[in-house]
Amino acid sequence: VGAFNYWTKAAELGDVDAHYQLAISYQKGEGVDKDEKKEVYFLEKAAIAGHPDARYNLACYEVRNERFDRAVKHWIIAANL
C-alpha cells in the first residue's frame, strides 16, 4: 500500500497534513493522475483547517487564474497562521 492510500485514510480521519499531501500528489501526479480540481479541493480542505502551505499554494493558484484580490487574501491569511 502506497503513501497515497495512507494519506487518503488519514484525510478521511481529518488529518490536515494528509489533505495537503493529497493536494500535492494530485498536483504532481504522484501515485495518481494529475487533477487540478482534486488538487484545489484538498488544498481548500487543508487551508480551512489552518495549513499555511496550503493557503500559500491556493494563492499561487489564484494568481495563475488572474484573481489577484483572492490571492492577496490567501497570502495574508497564510502569513498570519
C-alpha atoms as a PDB file:
ATOM      1  CA  VAL A   1       0.000   0.000   0.000  1.00  0.00           C
ATOM      2  CA  GLY A   2       1.470   3.314  -1.078  1.00  0.00           C
ATOM      3  CA  ALA A   3       1.660   6.638   0.708  1.00  0.00           C
ATOM      4  CA  PHE A   4      -1.336   7.924  -1.256  1.00  0.00           C
ATOM      5  CA  ASN A   5      -3.582   5.313   0.333  1.00  0.00           C
ATOM      6  CA  TYR A   6      -2.354   6.167   3.821  1.00  0.00           C
ATOM      7  CA  TRP A   7      -2.877   9.894   3.206  1.00  0.00           C
ATOM      8  CA  THR A   8      -6.379   9.167   1.940  1.00  0.00           C
ATOM      9  CA  LYS A   9      -7.234   7.265   5.117  1.00  0.00           C
ATOM     10  CA  ALA A  10      -5.671   9.944   7.304  1.00  0.00           C
ATOM     11  CA  ALA A  11      -7.552  12.698   5.440  1.00  0.00           C
ATOM     12  CA  GLU A  12     -10.812  10.813   5.997  1.00  0.00           C
ATOM     13  CA  LEU A  13      -9.994  10.972   9.706  1.00  0.00           C
ATOM     14  CA  GLY A  14      -9.446  14.730   9.459  1.00  0.00           C
ATOM     15  CA  ASP A  15      -5.657  14.948   9.316  1.00  0.00           C
ATOM     16  CA  VAL A  16      -4.743  18.380   7.924  1.00  0.00           C
ATOM     17  CA  ASP A  17      -1.300  17.393   6.639  1.00  0.00           C
ATOM     18  CA  ALA A  18      -2.832  14.437   4.811  1.00  0.00           C
ATOM     19  CA  HIS A  19      -5.171  16.776   2.928  1.00  0.00           C
ATOM     20  CA  TYR A  20      -2.172  18.869   1.933  1.00  0.00           C
ATOM     21  CA  GLN A  21      -0.162  15.819   0.825  1.00  0.00           C
ATOM     22  CA  LEU A  22      -3.089  14.600  -1.274  1.00  0.00           C
ATOM     23  CA  ALA A  23      -3.229  18.015  -2.955  1.00  0.00           C
ATOM     24  CA  ILE A  24       0.475  17.800  -3.772  1.00  0.00           C
ATOM     25  CA  SER A  25       0.024  14.265  -5.099  1.00  0.00           C
ATOM     26  CA  TYR A  26      -2.692  15.458  -7.474  1.00  0.00           C
ATOM     27  CA  GLN A  27      -0.584  18.470  -8.458  1.00  0.00           C
ATOM     28  CA  LYS A  28       2.486  16.394  -9.327  1.00  0.00           C
ATOM     29  CA  GLY A  29       0.722  13.231 -10.464  1.00  0.00           C
ATOM     30  CA  GLU A  30       2.499  11.103  -7.870  1.00  0.00           C
ATOM     31  CA  GLY A  31       0.595   7.870  -7.312  1.00  0.00           C
ATOM     32  CA  VAL A  32      -2.406   9.307  -9.182  1.00  0.00           C
ATOM     33  CA  ASP A  33      -3.163  11.118 -12.407  1.00  0.00           C
ATOM     34  CA  LYS A  34      -2.707  14.890 -12.272  1.00  0.00           C
ATOM     35  CA  ASP A  35      -6.026  16.507 -11.415  1.00  0.00           C
ATOM     36  CA  GLU A  36      -6.250  20.242 -10.802  1.00  0.00           C
ATOM     37  CA  LYS A  37      -9.801  20.105  -9.429  1.00  0.00           C
ATOM     38  CA  LYS A  38      -8.865  17.499  -6.828  1.00  0.00           C
ATOM     39  CA  GLU A  39      -5.661  19.399  -6.053  1.00  0.00           C
ATOM     40  CA  VAL A  40      -7.630  22.566  -5.300  1.00  0.00           C
ATOM     41  CA  TYR A  41     -10.262  20.625  -3.335  1.00  0.00           C
ATOM     42  CA  PHE A  42      -7.647  19.181  -0.974  1.00  0.00           C
ATOM     43  CA  LEU A  43      -5.768  22.495  -0.758  1.00  0.00           C
ATOM     44  CA  GLU A  44      -9.006  24.155   0.343  1.00  0.00           C
ATOM     45  CA  LYS A  45      -9.683  21.461   2.948  1.00  0.00           C
ATOM     46  CA  ALA A  46      -6.169  21.885   4.366  1.00  0.00           C
ATOM     47  CA  ALA A  47      -6.266  25.693   4.183  1.00  0.00           C
ATOM     48  CA  ILE A  48      -9.587  25.919   6.007  1.00  0.00           C
ATOM     49  CA  ALA A  49      -8.102  23.750   8.746  1.00  0.00           C
ATOM     50  CA  GLY A  50      -5.152  26.150   9.119  1.00  0.00           C
ATOM     51  CA  HIS A  51      -2.374  24.720   6.945  1.00  0.00           C
ATOM     52  CA  PRO A  52      -0.197  27.717   5.896  1.00  0.00           C
ATOM     53  CA  ASP A  53       1.443  25.994   2.907  1.00  0.00           C
ATOM     54  CA  ALA A  54      -1.983  25.083   1.552  1.00  0.00           C
ATOM     55  CA  ARG A  55      -3.032  28.748   1.848  1.00  0.00           C
ATOM     56  CA  TYR A  56       0.121  29.823   0.032  1.00  0.00           C
ATOM     57  CA  ASN A  57      -0.468  27.294  -2.755  1.00  0.00           C
ATOM     58  CA  LEU A  58      -4.066  28.452  -3.116  1.00  0.00           C
ATOM     59  CA  ALA A  59      -2.779  31.999  -3.534  1.00  0.00           C
ATOM     60  CA  CYS A  60      -0.456  30.838  -6.305  1.00  0.00           C
ATOM     61  CA  TYR A  61      -3.374  29.048  -7.972  1.00  0.00           C
ATOM     62  CA  GLU A  62      -5.404  32.270  -7.858  1.00  0.00           C
ATOM     63  CA  VAL A  63      -2.519  34.230  -9.424  1.00  0.00           C
ATOM     64  CA  ARG A  64      -2.326  31.728 -12.287  1.00  0.00           C
ATOM     65  CA  ASN A  65      -6.022  32.393 -12.849  1.00  0.00           C
ATOM     66  CA  GLU A  66      -5.547  36.179 -12.580  1.00  0.00           C
ATOM     67  CA  ARG A  67      -7.664  36.515  -9.433  1.00  0.00           C
ATOM     68  CA  PHE A  68      -5.189  38.735  -7.660  1.00  0.00           C
ATOM     69  CA  ASP A  69      -7.522  40.006  -4.927  1.00  0.00           C
ATOM     70  CA  ARG A  70      -8.229  36.440  -3.823  1.00  0.00           C
ATOM     71  CA  ALA A  71      -4.512  35.604  -3.973  1.00  0.00           C
ATOM     72  CA  VAL A  72      -3.619  38.513  -1.687  1.00  0.00           C
ATOM     73  CA  LYS A  73      -6.248  37.405   0.831  1.00  0.00           C
ATOM     74  CA  HIS A  74      -4.794  33.886   0.897  1.00  0.00           C
ATOM     75  CA  TRP A  75      -1.269  35.238   1.362  1.00  0.00           C
ATOM     76  CA  ILE A  76      -2.358  37.463   4.236  1.00  0.00           C
ATOM     77  CA  ILE A  77      -4.076  34.563   5.968  1.00  0.00           C
ATOM     78  CA  ALA A  78      -1.039  32.312   5.382  1.00  0.00           C
ATOM     79  CA  ALA A  79       1.279  34.944   6.862  1.00  0.00           C
ATOM     80  CA  ASN A  80      -0.856  35.103   9.999  1.00  0.00           C
ATOM     81  CA  LEU A  81      -1.015  31.330  10.601  1.00  0.00           C
END
